[in-house]
Amino acid sequence: MAKTVQERSAKTSRKRVALAEEELRLRVRPGTRQALADLMEWSGITEQGEAMTLMIHHLHALGSAKCQPLLNPPRHVFEPTEIVAREFRNKSLLAIQKDPGDEIIEPA
């Protein structure tokens, strides 16, 4: 006799508890989704969960030192032009003048 949907769900639930499975959710933007799709296509993987699991395990196998360059997000450095810095300083001084009591500390 075939199992009912409830029986199959209960068995699956018991199995997940026994294996200590945990669901991880990930929200991504289109660029990240496209990158995952490309990786899956290049390797012939059809399931997203399988692709992410393999990536995690392969990164972990590299070890702490070798995986660090891959896990360090790029940092954007913003260096304002002289004109922008001057304008910011002028507007800051105006704001300080409108609120007396604030001290002006000139940069070194």
PDB file of N, CA and C in Angstrom:
ATOM      1  N   MET A   1       0.837  -1.177   0.000  1.00  0.00           N
ATOM      2  CA  MET A   1       0.000   0.000   0.000  1.00  0.00           C
ATOM      3  C   MET A   1       0.885   1.245   0.000  1.00  0.00           C
ATOM      4  N   ALA A   2       0.525   2.208  -0.789  1.00  0.00           N
ATOM      5  CA  ALA A   2       1.311   3.442  -0.920  1.00  0.00           C
ATOM      6  C   ALA A   2       1.141   4.308   0.317  1.00  0.00           C
ATOM      7  N   LYS A   3       2.221   5.027   0.639  1.00  0.00           N
ATOM      8  CA  LYS A   3       2.183   5.932   1.793  1.00  0.00           C
ATOM      9  C   LYS A   3       1.431   7.207   1.427  1.00  0.00           C
ATOM     10  N   THR A   4       0.793   7.788   2.422  1.00  0.00           N
ATOM     11  CA  THR A   4       0.081   9.045   2.196  1.00  0.00           C
ATOM     12  C   THR A   4       1.096  10.188   2.210  1.00  0.00           C
ATOM     13  N   VAL A   5       0.636  11.354   1.789  1.00  0.00           N
ATOM     14  CA  VAL A   5       1.484  12.540   1.774  1.00  0.00           C
ATOM     15  C   VAL A   5       1.952  12.855   3.194  1.00  0.00           C
ATOM     16  N   GLN A   6       1.055  12.720   4.158  1.00  0.00           N
ATOM     17  CA  GLN A   6       1.403  13.012   5.551  1.00  0.00           C
ATOM     18  C   GLN A   6       2.466  12.047   6.070  1.00  0.00           C
ATOM     19  N   GLU A   7       2.365  10.781   5.708  1.00  0.00           N
ATOM     20  CA  GLU A   7       3.351   9.779   6.146  1.00  0.00           C
ATOM     21  C   GLU A   7       4.719  10.078   5.545  1.00  0.00           C
ATOM     22  N   ARG A   8       4.736  10.441   4.265  1.00  0.00           N
ATOM     23  CA  ARG A   8       6.009  10.780   3.622  1.00  0.00           C
ATOM     24  C   ARG A   8       6.612  12.031   4.250  1.00  0.00           C
ATOM     25  N   SER A   9       5.766  13.043   4.527  1.00  0.00           N
ATOM     26  CA  SER A   9       6.246  14.280   5.149  1.00  0.00           C
ATOM     27  C   SER A   9       6.810  14.006   6.540  1.00  0.00           C
ATOM     28  N   ALA A  10       6.126  13.177   7.307  1.00  0.00           N
ATOM     29  CA  ALA A  10       6.589  12.847   8.658  1.00  0.00           C
ATOM     30  C   ALA A  10       7.927  12.102   8.605  1.00  0.00           C
ATOM     31  N   LYS A  11       8.060  11.178   7.670  1.00  0.00           N
ATOM     32  CA  LYS A  11       9.318  10.431   7.535  1.00  0.00           C
ATOM     33  C   LYS A  11      10.452  11.375   7.147  1.00  0.00           C
ATOM     34  N   THR A  12      10.194  12.265   6.203  1.00  0.00           N
ATOM     35  CA  THR A  12      11.203  13.235   5.779  1.00  0.00           C
ATOM     36  C   THR A  12      11.588  14.139   6.937  1.00  0.00           C
ATOM     37  N   SER A  13      10.609  14.566   7.709  1.00  0.00           N
ATOM     38  CA  SER A  13      10.870  15.432   8.859  1.00  0.00           C
ATOM     39  C   SER A  13      11.737  14.716   9.895  1.00  0.00           C
ATOM     40  N   ARG A  14      11.416  13.455  10.193  1.00  0.00           N
ATOM     41  CA  ARG A  14      12.232  12.684  11.156  1.00  0.00           C
ATOM     42  C   ARG A  14      13.663  12.529  10.649  1.00  0.00           C
ATOM     43  N   LYS A  15      13.799  12.286   9.357  1.00  0.00           N
ATOM     44  CA  LYS A  15      15.127  12.114   8.763  1.00  0.00           C
ATOM     45  C   LYS A  15      15.937  13.402   8.879  1.00  0.00           C
ATOM     46  N   ARG A  16      15.307  14.550   8.628  1.00  0.00           N
ATOM     47  CA  ARG A  16      16.000  15.843   8.726  1.00  0.00           C
ATOM     48  C   ARG A  16      16.438  16.119  10.154  1.00  0.00           C
ATOM     49  N   VAL A  17      15.598  15.791  11.119  1.00  0.00           N
ATOM     50  CA  VAL A  17      15.954  15.979  12.528  1.00  0.00           C
ATOM     51  C   VAL A  17      17.115  15.069  12.894  1.00  0.00           C
ATOM     52  N   ALA A  18      17.050  13.808  12.467  1.00  0.00           N
ATOM     53  CA  ALA A  18      18.114  12.839  12.779  1.00  0.00           C
ATOM     54  C   ALA A  18      19.453  13.258  12.183  1.00  0.00           C
ATOM     55  N   LEU A  19      19.431  13.890  11.002  1.00  0.00           N
ATOM     56  CA  LEU A  19      20.664  14.307  10.339  1.00  0.00           C
ATOM     57  C   LEU A  19      21.076  15.729  10.718  1.00  0.00           C
ATOM     58  N   ALA A  20      20.302  16.375  11.577  1.00  0.00           N
ATOM     59  CA  ALA A  20      20.557  17.753  12.016  1.00  0.00           C
ATOM     60  C   ALA A  20      20.624  18.720  10.834  1.00  0.00           C
ATOM     61  N   GLU A  21      19.742  18.494   9.863  1.00  0.00           N
ATOM     62  CA  GLU A  21      19.691  19.395   8.702  1.00  0.00           C
ATOM     63  C   GLU A  21      19.132  20.742   9.124  1.00  0.00           C
ATOM     64  N   GLU A  22      19.632  21.780   8.463  1.00  0.00           N
ATOM     65  CA  GLU A  22      19.161  23.131   8.730  1.00  0.00           C
ATOM     66  C   GLU A  22      18.981  23.842   7.400  1.00  0.00           C
ATOM     67  N   GLU A  23      17.881  24.532   7.275  1.00  0.00           N
ATOM     68  CA  GLU A  23      17.625  25.265   6.034  1.00  0.00           C
ATOM     69  C   GLU A  23      18.282  26.633   6.109  1.00  0.00           C
ATOM     70  N   LEU A  24      19.060  26.952   5.092  1.00  0.00           N
ATOM     71  CA  LEU A  24      19.677  28.269   4.985  1.00  0.00           C
ATOM     72  C   LEU A  24      18.993  29.009   3.843  1.00  0.00           C
ATOM     73  N   ARG A  25      18.605  30.240   4.123  1.00  0.00           N
ATOM     74  CA  ARG A  25      17.955  31.047   3.086  1.00  0.00           C
ATOM     75  C   ARG A  25      18.911  32.148   2.663  1.00  0.00           C
ATOM     76  N   LEU A  26      18.853  32.481   1.395  1.00  0.00           N
ATOM     77  CA  LEU A  26      19.765  33.480   0.855  1.00  0.00           C
ATOM     78  C   LEU A  26      19.016  34.357  -0.143  1.00  0.00           C
ATOM     79  N   ARG A  27      18.988  35.635   0.131  1.00  0.00           N
ATOM     80  CA  ARG A  27      18.398  36.586  -0.811  1.00  0.00           C
ATOM     81  C   ARG A  27      19.539  37.229  -1.592  1.00  0.00           C
ATOM     82  N   VAL A  28      19.396  37.257  -2.903  1.00  0.00           N
ATOM     83  CA  VAL A  28      20.463  37.799  -3.741  1.00  0.00           C
ATOM     84  C   VAL A  28      19.894  38.762  -4.772  1.00  0.00           C
ATOM     85  N   ARG A  29      20.760  39.599  -5.272  1.00  0.00           N
ATOM     86  CA  ARG A  29      20.386  40.531  -6.339  1.00  0.00           C
ATOM     87  C   ARG A  29      20.674  39.864  -7.683  1.00  0.00           C
ATOM     88  N   PRO A  30      20.197  40.462  -8.762  1.00  0.00           N
ATOM     89  CA  PRO A  30      20.340  39.830 -10.068  1.00  0.00           C
ATOM     90  C   PRO A  30      21.780  39.476 -10.454  1.00  0.00           C
ATOM     91  N   GLY A  31      22.750  40.321 -10.111  1.00  0.00           N
ATOM     92  CA  GLY A  31      24.137  40.018 -10.482  1.00  0.00           C
ATOM     93  C   GLY A  31      24.659  38.762  -9.812  1.00  0.00           C
ATOM     94  N   THR A  32      24.308  38.591  -8.535  1.00  0.00           N
ATOM     95  CA  THR A  32      24.733  37.394  -7.805  1.00  0.00           C
ATOM     96  C   THR A  32      24.012  36.168  -8.346  1.00  0.00           C
ATOM     97  N   ARG A  33      22.739  36.321  -8.658  1.00  0.00           N
ATOM     98  CA  ARG A  33      21.964  35.209  -9.214  1.00  0.00           C
ATOM     99  C   ARG A  33      22.552  34.774 -10.557  1.00  0.00           C
ATOM    100  N   GLN A  34      22.970  35.748 -11.377  1.00  0.00           N
ATOM    101  CA  GLN A  34      23.562  35.427 -12.669  1.00  0.00           C
ATOM    102  C   GLN A  34      24.901  34.730 -12.496  1.00  0.00           C
ATOM    103  N   ALA A  35      25.689  35.177 -11.518  1.00  0.00           N
ATOM    104  CA  ALA A  35      26.980  34.532 -11.258  1.00  0.00           C
ATOM    105  C   ALA A  35      26.769  33.074 -10.861  1.00  0.00           C
ATOM    106  N   LEU A  36      25.784  32.813 -10.007  1.00  0.00           N
ATOM    107  CA  LEU A  36      25.487  31.434  -9.609  1.00  0.00           C
ATOM    108  C   LEU A  36      25.025  30.620 -10.812  1.00  0.00           C
ATOM    109  N   ALA A  37      24.177  31.216 -11.652  1.00  0.00           N
ATOM    110  CA  ALA A  37      23.703  30.518 -12.855  1.00  0.00           C
ATOM    111  C   ALA A  37      24.870  30.169 -13.777  1.00  0.00           C
ATOM    112  N   ASP A  38      25.816  31.096 -13.934  1.00  0.00           N
ATOM    113  CA  ASP A  38      26.996  30.831 -14.766  1.00  0.00           C
ATOM    114  C   ASP A  38      27.816  29.684 -14.185  1.00  0.00           C
ATOM    115  N   LEU A  39      28.071  29.728 -12.878  1.00  0.00           N
ATOM    116  CA  LEU A  39      28.846  28.666 -12.236  1.00  0.00           C
ATOM    117  C   LEU A  39      28.166  27.308 -12.411  1.00  0.00           C
ATOM    118  N   MET A  40      26.852  27.300 -12.261  1.00  0.00           N
ATOM    119  CA  MET A  40      26.107  26.047 -12.421  1.00  0.00           C
ATOM    120  C   MET A  40      26.189  25.540 -13.857  1.00  0.00           C
ATOM    121  N   GLU A  41      26.090  26.448 -14.810  1.00  0.00           N
ATOM    122  CA  GLU A  41      26.174  26.056 -16.225  1.00  0.00           C
ATOM    123  C   GLU A  41      27.556  25.507 -16.563  1.00  0.00           C
ATOM    124  N   TRP A  42      28.604  26.200 -16.087  1.00  0.00           N
ATOM    125  CA  TRP A  42      29.967  25.779 -16.383  1.00  0.00           C
ATOM    126  C   TRP A  42      30.264  24.385 -15.833  1.00  0.00           C
ATOM    127  N   SER A  43      29.645  24.055 -14.705  1.00  0.00           N
ATOM    128  CA  SER A  43      29.957  22.766 -14.075  1.00  0.00           C
ATOM    129  C   SER A  43      28.889  21.707 -14.324  1.00  0.00           C
ATOM    130  N   GLY A  44      27.808  22.076 -15.002  1.00  0.00           N
ATOM    131  CA  GLY A  44      26.764  21.106 -15.308  1.00  0.00           C
ATOM    132  C   GLY A  44      25.878  20.767 -14.117  1.00  0.00           C
ATOM    133  N   ILE A  45      25.819  21.627 -13.132  1.00  0.00           N
ATOM    134  CA  ILE A  45      24.981  21.405 -11.953  1.00  0.00           C
ATOM    135  C   ILE A  45      23.620  22.029 -12.212  1.00  0.00           C
ATOM    136  N   THR A  46      22.559  21.298 -11.849  1.00  0.00           N
ATOM    137  CA  THR A  46      21.213  21.789 -12.120  1.00  0.00           C
ATOM    138  C   THR A  46      20.493  22.306 -10.874  1.00  0.00           C
ATOM    139  N   GLU A  47      20.987  21.968  -9.693  1.00  0.00           N
ATOM    140  CA  GLU A  47      20.324  22.413  -8.466  1.00  0.00           C
ATOM    141  C   GLU A  47      21.164  23.456  -7.737  1.00  0.00           C
ATOM    142  N   GLN A  48      20.522  24.559  -7.361  1.00  0.00           N
ATOM    143  CA  GLN A  48      21.228  25.641  -6.671  1.00  0.00           C
ATOM    144  C   GLN A  48      21.821  25.176  -5.346  1.00  0.00           C
ATOM    145  N   GLY A  49      21.061  24.422  -4.595  1.00  0.00           N
ATOM    146  CA  GLY A  49      21.534  23.943  -3.299  1.00  0.00           C
ATOM    147  C   GLY A  49      22.796  23.103  -3.428  1.00  0.00           C
ATOM    148  N   GLU A  50      22.838  22.263  -4.445  1.00  0.00           N
ATOM    149  CA  GLU A  50      24.021  21.427  -4.678  1.00  0.00           C
ATOM    150  C   GLU A  50      25.232  22.293  -5.015  1.00  0.00           C
ATOM    151  N   ALA A  51      25.019  23.300  -5.861  1.00  0.00           N
ATOM    152  CA  ALA A  51      26.117  24.186  -6.248  1.00  0.00           C
ATOM    153  C   ALA A  51      26.672  24.925  -5.034  1.00  0.00           C
ATOM    154  N   MET A  52      25.781  25.469  -4.205  1.00  0.00           N
ATOM    155  CA  MET A  52      26.243  26.222  -3.035  1.00  0.00           C
ATOM    156  C   MET A  52      26.923  25.309  -2.018  1.00  0.00           C
ATOM    157  N   THR A  53      26.390  24.105  -1.834  1.00  0.00           N
ATOM    158  CA  THR A  53      27.005  23.154  -0.906  1.00  0.00           C
ATOM    159  C   THR A  53      28.408  22.798  -1.374  1.00  0.00           C
ATOM    160  N   LEU A  54      28.567  22.527  -2.656  1.00  0.00           N
ATOM    161  CA  LEU A  54      29.890  22.191  -3.188  1.00  0.00           C
ATOM    162  C   LEU A  54      30.866  23.354  -3.035  1.00  0.00           C
ATOM    163  N   MET A  55      30.404  24.563  -3.293  1.00  0.00           N
ATOM    164  CA  MET A  55      31.286  25.726  -3.153  1.00  0.00           C
ATOM    165  C   MET A  55      31.746  25.888  -1.708  1.00  0.00           C
ATOM    166  N   ILE A  56      30.830  25.718  -0.773  1.00  0.00           N
ATOM    167  CA  ILE A  56      31.193  25.851   0.647  1.00  0.00           C
ATOM    168  C   ILE A  56      32.223  24.802   1.027  1.00  0.00           C
ATOM    169  N   HIS A  57      31.996  23.562   0.629  1.00  0.00           N
ATOM    170  CA  HIS A  57      32.926  22.493   0.993  1.00  0.00           C
ATOM    171  C   HIS A  57      34.292  22.655   0.318  1.00  0.00           C
ATOM    172  N   HIS A  58      34.306  23.094  -0.939  1.00  0.00           N
ATOM    173  CA  HIS A  58      35.579  23.304  -1.630  1.00  0.00           C
ATOM    174  C   HIS A  58      36.364  24.465  -1.014  1.00  0.00           C
ATOM    175  N   LEU A  59      35.673  25.538  -0.656  1.00  0.00           N
ATOM    176  CA  LEU A  59      36.340  26.657   0.022  1.00  0.00           C
ATOM    177  C   LEU A  59      36.907  26.213   1.359  1.00  0.00           C
ATOM    178  N   HIS A  60      36.120  25.446   2.083  1.00  0.00           N
ATOM    179  CA  HIS A  60      36.572  24.967   3.396  1.00  0.00           C
ATOM    180  C   HIS A  60      37.799  24.077   3.246  1.00  0.00           C
ATOM    181  N   ALA A  61      37.827  23.270   2.193  1.00  0.00           N
ATOM    182  CA  ALA A  61      38.966  22.366   1.967  1.00  0.00           C
ATOM    183  C   ALA A  61      40.251  23.144   1.677  1.00  0.00           C
ATOM    184  N   LEU A  62      40.131  24.361   1.153  1.00  0.00           N
ATOM    185  CA  LEU A  62      41.322  25.179   0.891  1.00  0.00           C
ATOM    186  C   LEU A  62      42.030  25.569   2.181  1.00  0.00           C
ATOM    187  N   GLY A  63      41.293  25.651   3.263  1.00  0.00           N
ATOM    188  CA  GLY A  63      41.882  26.054   4.532  1.00  0.00           C
ATOM    189  C   GLY A  63      41.787  27.554   4.734  1.00  0.00           C
ATOM    190  N   SER A  64      42.100  27.961   5.939  1.00  0.00           N
ATOM    191  CA  SER A  64      41.924  29.359   6.348  1.00  0.00           C
ATOM    192  C   SER A  64      42.727  30.333   5.488  1.00  0.00           C
ATOM    193  N   ALA A  65      43.998  30.066   5.302  1.00  0.00           N
ATOM    194  CA  ALA A  65      44.862  31.019   4.597  1.00  0.00           C
ATOM    195  C   ALA A  65      44.506  31.150   3.119  1.00  0.00           C
ATOM    196  N   LYS A  66      44.240  30.028   2.456  1.00  0.00           N
ATOM    197  CA  LYS A  66      43.990  30.072   1.008  1.00  0.00           C
ATOM    198  C   LYS A  66      42.599  30.581   0.649  1.00  0.00           C
ATOM    199  N   CYS A  67      41.642  30.444   1.568  1.00  0.00           N
ATOM    200  CA  CYS A  67      40.292  30.905   1.225  1.00  0.00           C
ATOM    201  C   CYS A  67      40.089  32.385   1.542  1.00  0.00           C
ATOM    202  N   GLN A  68      40.959  32.980   2.343  1.00  0.00           N
ATOM    203  CA  GLN A  68      40.785  34.382   2.722  1.00  0.00           C
ATOM    204  C   GLN A  68      40.708  35.340   1.528  1.00  0.00           C
ATOM    205  N   PRO A  69      41.572  35.230   0.525  1.00  0.00           N
ATOM    206  CA  PRO A  69      41.456  36.155  -0.618  1.00  0.00           C
ATOM    207  C   PRO A  69      40.102  36.042  -1.331  1.00  0.00           C
ATOM    208  N   LEU A  70      39.496  34.867  -1.297  1.00  0.00           N
ATOM    209  CA  LEU A  70      38.210  34.677  -1.960  1.00  0.00           C
ATOM    210  C   LEU A  70      37.045  35.191  -1.125  1.00  0.00           C
ATOM    211  N   LEU A  71      37.250  35.319   0.171  1.00  0.00           N
ATOM    212  CA  LEU A  71      36.165  35.731   1.059  1.00  0.00           C
ATOM    213  C   LEU A  71      36.264  37.178   1.529  1.00  0.00           C
ATOM    214  N   ASN A  72      37.318  37.865   1.166  1.00  0.00           N
ATOM    215  CA  ASN A  72      37.444  39.271   1.537  1.00  0.00           C
ATOM    216  C   ASN A  72      36.718  40.119   0.494  1.00  0.00           C
ATOM    217  N   PRO A  73      35.648  40.798   0.917  1.00  0.00           N
ATOM    218  CA  PRO A  73      34.902  41.601  -0.065  1.00  0.00           C
ATOM    219  C   PRO A  73      35.730  42.795  -0.533  1.00  0.00           C
ATOM    220  N   PRO A  74      35.523  43.209  -1.774  1.00  0.00           N
ATOM    221  CA  PRO A  74      36.264  44.371  -2.262  1.00  0.00           C
ATOM    222  C   PRO A  74      35.832  45.620  -1.504  1.00  0.00           C
ATOM    223  N   ARG A  75      36.774  46.431  -1.156  1.00  0.00           N
ATOM    224  CA  ARG A  75      36.482  47.675  -0.441  1.00  0.00           C
ATOM    225  C   ARG A  75      36.614  48.829  -1.413  1.00  0.00           C
ATOM    226  N   HIS A  76      35.646  49.713  -1.376  1.00  0.00           N
ATOM    227  CA  HIS A  76      35.657  50.870  -2.254  1.00  0.00           C
ATOM    228  C   HIS A  76      36.303  52.031  -1.513  1.00  0.00           C
ATOM    229  N   VAL A  77      37.304  52.613  -2.120  1.00  0.00           N
ATOM    230  CA  VAL A  77      37.998  53.745  -1.517  1.00  0.00           C
ATOM    231  C   VAL A  77      37.472  55.016  -2.161  1.00  0.00           C
ATOM    232  N   PHE A  78      37.017  55.930  -1.322  1.00  0.00           N
ATOM    233  CA  PHE A  78      36.511  57.194  -1.828  1.00  0.00           C
ATOM    234  C   PHE A  78      37.465  58.296  -1.421  1.00  0.00           C
ATOM    235  N   GLU A  79      38.026  58.947  -2.389  1.00  0.00           N
ATOM    236  CA  GLU A  79      38.907  60.070  -2.130  1.00  0.00           C
ATOM    237  C   GLU A  79      38.318  61.276  -2.841  1.00  0.00           C
ATOM    238  N   PRO A  80      37.737  62.206  -2.065  1.00  0.00           N
ATOM    239  CA  PRO A  80      37.099  63.366  -2.699  1.00  0.00           C
ATOM    240  C   PRO A  80      38.133  64.265  -3.376  1.00  0.00           C
ATOM    241  N   THR A  81      37.703  64.883  -4.438  1.00  0.00           N
ATOM    242  CA  THR A  81      38.586  65.834  -5.112  1.00  0.00           C
ATOM    243  C   THR A  81      38.749  67.057  -4.214  1.00  0.00           C
ATOM    244  N   GLU A  82      39.702  67.890  -4.539  1.00  0.00           N
ATOM    245  CA  GLU A  82      39.963  69.090  -3.741  1.00  0.00           C
ATOM    246  C   GLU A  82      38.741  70.005  -3.723  1.00  0.00           C
ATOM    247  N   ILE A  83      38.056  70.104  -4.849  1.00  0.00           N
ATOM    248  CA  ILE A  83      36.874  70.964  -4.935  1.00  0.00           C
ATOM    249  C   ILE A  83      35.766  70.447  -4.016  1.00  0.00           C
ATOM    250  N   VAL A  84      35.539  69.140  -4.045  1.00  0.00           N
ATOM    251  CA  VAL A  84      34.501  68.541  -3.197  1.00  0.00           C
ATOM    252  C   VAL A  84      34.874  68.697  -1.726  1.00  0.00           C
ATOM    253  N   ALA A  85      36.137  68.470  -1.379  1.00  0.00           N
ATOM    254  CA  ALA A  85      36.585  68.616   0.007  1.00  0.00           C
ATOM    255  C   ALA A  85      36.398  70.055   0.489  1.00  0.00           C
ATOM    256  N   ARG A  86      36.729  71.016  -0.367  1.00  0.00           N
ATOM    257  CA  ARG A  86      36.574  72.433  -0.008  1.00  0.00           C
ATOM    258  C   ARG A  86      35.101  72.775   0.212  1.00  0.00           C
ATOM    259  N   GLU A  87      34.244  72.302  -0.686  1.00  0.00           N
ATOM    260  CA  GLU A  87      32.806  72.567  -0.567  1.00  0.00           C
ATOM    261  C   GLU A  87      32.247  71.934   0.711  1.00  0.00           C
ATOM    262  N   PHE A  88      32.677  70.740   1.012  1.00  0.00           N
ATOM    263  CA  PHE A  88      32.228  70.071   2.241  1.00  0.00           C
ATOM    264  C   PHE A  88      32.662  70.865   3.471  1.00  0.00           C
ATOM    265  N   ARG A  89      33.906  71.311   3.459  1.00  0.00           N
ATOM    266  CA  ARG A  89      34.432  72.096   4.584  1.00  0.00           C
ATOM    267  C   ARG A  89      33.642  73.394   4.750  1.00  0.00           C
ATOM    268  N   ASN A  90      33.386  74.094   3.657  1.00  0.00           N
ATOM    269  CA  ASN A  90      32.641  75.360   3.719  1.00  0.00           C
ATOM    270  C   ASN A  90      31.225  75.158   4.272  1.00  0.00           C
ATOM    271  N   LYS A  91      30.545  74.112   3.804  1.00  0.00           N
ATOM    272  CA  LYS A  91      29.187  73.854   4.291  1.00  0.00           C
ATOM    273  C   LYS A  91      29.213  73.415   5.751  1.00  0.00           C
ATOM    274  N   SER A  92      30.233  72.676   6.142  1.00  0.00           N
ATOM    275  CA  SER A  92      30.373  72.269   7.544  1.00  0.00           C
ATOM    276  C   SER A  92      30.572  73.484   8.429  1.00  0.00           C
ATOM    277  N   LEU A  93      31.418  74.422   7.991  1.00  0.00           N
ATOM    278  CA  LEU A  93      31.650  75.643   8.775  1.00  0.00           C
ATOM    279  C   LEU A  93      30.367  76.463   8.899  1.00  0.00           C
ATOM    280  N   LEU A  94      29.580  76.526   7.825  1.00  0.00           N
ATOM    281  CA  LEU A  94      28.302  77.249   7.885  1.00  0.00           C
ATOM    282  C   LEU A  94      27.357  76.594   8.889  1.00  0.00           C
ATOM    283  N   ALA A  95      27.307  75.275   8.886  1.00  0.00           N
ATOM    284  CA  ALA A  95      26.435  74.568   9.818  1.00  0.00           C
ATOM    285  C   ALA A  95      26.878  74.794  11.253  1.00  0.00           C
ATOM    286  N   ILE A  96      28.183  74.826  11.470  1.00  0.00           N
ATOM    287  CA  ILE A  96      28.713  75.064  12.816  1.00  0.00           C
ATOM    288  C   ILE A  96      28.395  76.479  13.271  1.00  0.00           C
ATOM    289  N   GLN A  97      28.480  77.446  12.357  1.00  0.00           N
ATOM    290  CA  GLN A  97      28.182  78.838  12.708  1.00  0.00           C
ATOM    291  C   GLN A  97      26.717  79.024  13.084  1.00  0.00           C
ATOM    292  N   LYS A  98      25.834  78.229  12.483  1.00  0.00           N
ATOM    293  CA  LYS A  98      24.410  78.329  12.796  1.00  0.00           C
ATOM    294  C   LYS A  98      24.092  77.748  14.168  1.00  0.00           C
ATOM    295  N   ASP A  99      24.971  76.885  14.671  1.00  0.00           N
ATOM    296  CA  ASP A  99      24.752  76.246  15.966  1.00  0.00           C
ATOM    297  C   ASP A  99      25.923  76.593  16.877  1.00  0.00           C
ATOM    298  N   PRO A 100      25.912  77.786  17.508  1.00  0.00           N
ATOM    299  CA  PRO A 100      27.038  78.205  18.323  1.00  0.00           C
ATOM    300  C   PRO A 100      27.278  77.235  19.472  1.00  0.00           C
ATOM    301  N   GLY A 101      28.540  77.164  19.874  1.00  0.00           N
ATOM    302  CA  GLY A 101      28.931  76.262  20.955  1.00  0.00           C
ATOM    303  C   GLY A 101      29.752  75.095  20.435  1.00  0.00           C
ATOM    304  N   ASP A 102      29.590  74.769  19.159  1.00  0.00           N
ATOM    305  CA  ASP A 102      30.420  73.712  18.580  1.00  0.00           C
ATOM    306  C   ASP A 102      31.804  74.274  18.307  1.00  0.00           C
ATOM    307  N   GLU A 103      32.791  73.453  18.569  1.00  0.00           N
ATOM    308  CA  GLU A 103      34.178  73.902  18.354  1.00  0.00           C
ATOM    309  C   GLU A 103      34.630  73.508  16.963  1.00  0.00           C
ATOM    310  N   ILE A 104      35.499  74.330  16.410  1.00  0.00           N
ATOM    311  CA  ILE A 104      36.100  74.026  15.124  1.00  0.00           C
ATOM    312  C   ILE A 104      37.471  73.426  15.394  1.00  0.00           C
ATOM    313  N   ILE A 105      37.649  72.214  14.923  1.00  0.00           N
ATOM    314  CA  ILE A 105      38.953  71.540  15.066  1.00  0.00           C
ATOM    315  C   ILE A 105      39.514  71.379  13.665  1.00  0.00           C
ATOM    316  N   GLU A 106      40.544  72.123  13.374  1.00  0.00           N
ATOM    317  CA  GLU A 106      41.169  72.067  12.046  1.00  0.00           C
ATOM    318  C   GLU A 106      41.985  70.791  11.919  1.00  0.00           C
ATOM    319  N   PRO A 107      41.920  70.139  10.767  1.00  0.00           N
ATOM    320  CA  PRO A 107      42.732  68.927  10.570  1.00  0.00           C
ATOM    321  C   PRO A 107      44.221  69.291  10.498  1.00  0.00           C
ATOM    322  N   ALA A 108      45.028  68.338  10.912  1.00  0.00           N
ATOM    323  CA  ALA A 108      46.488  68.574  10.933  1.00  0.00           C
ATOM    324  C   ALA A 108      47.063  68.546   9.543  1.00  0.00           C
TER     325      ALA A 108
END
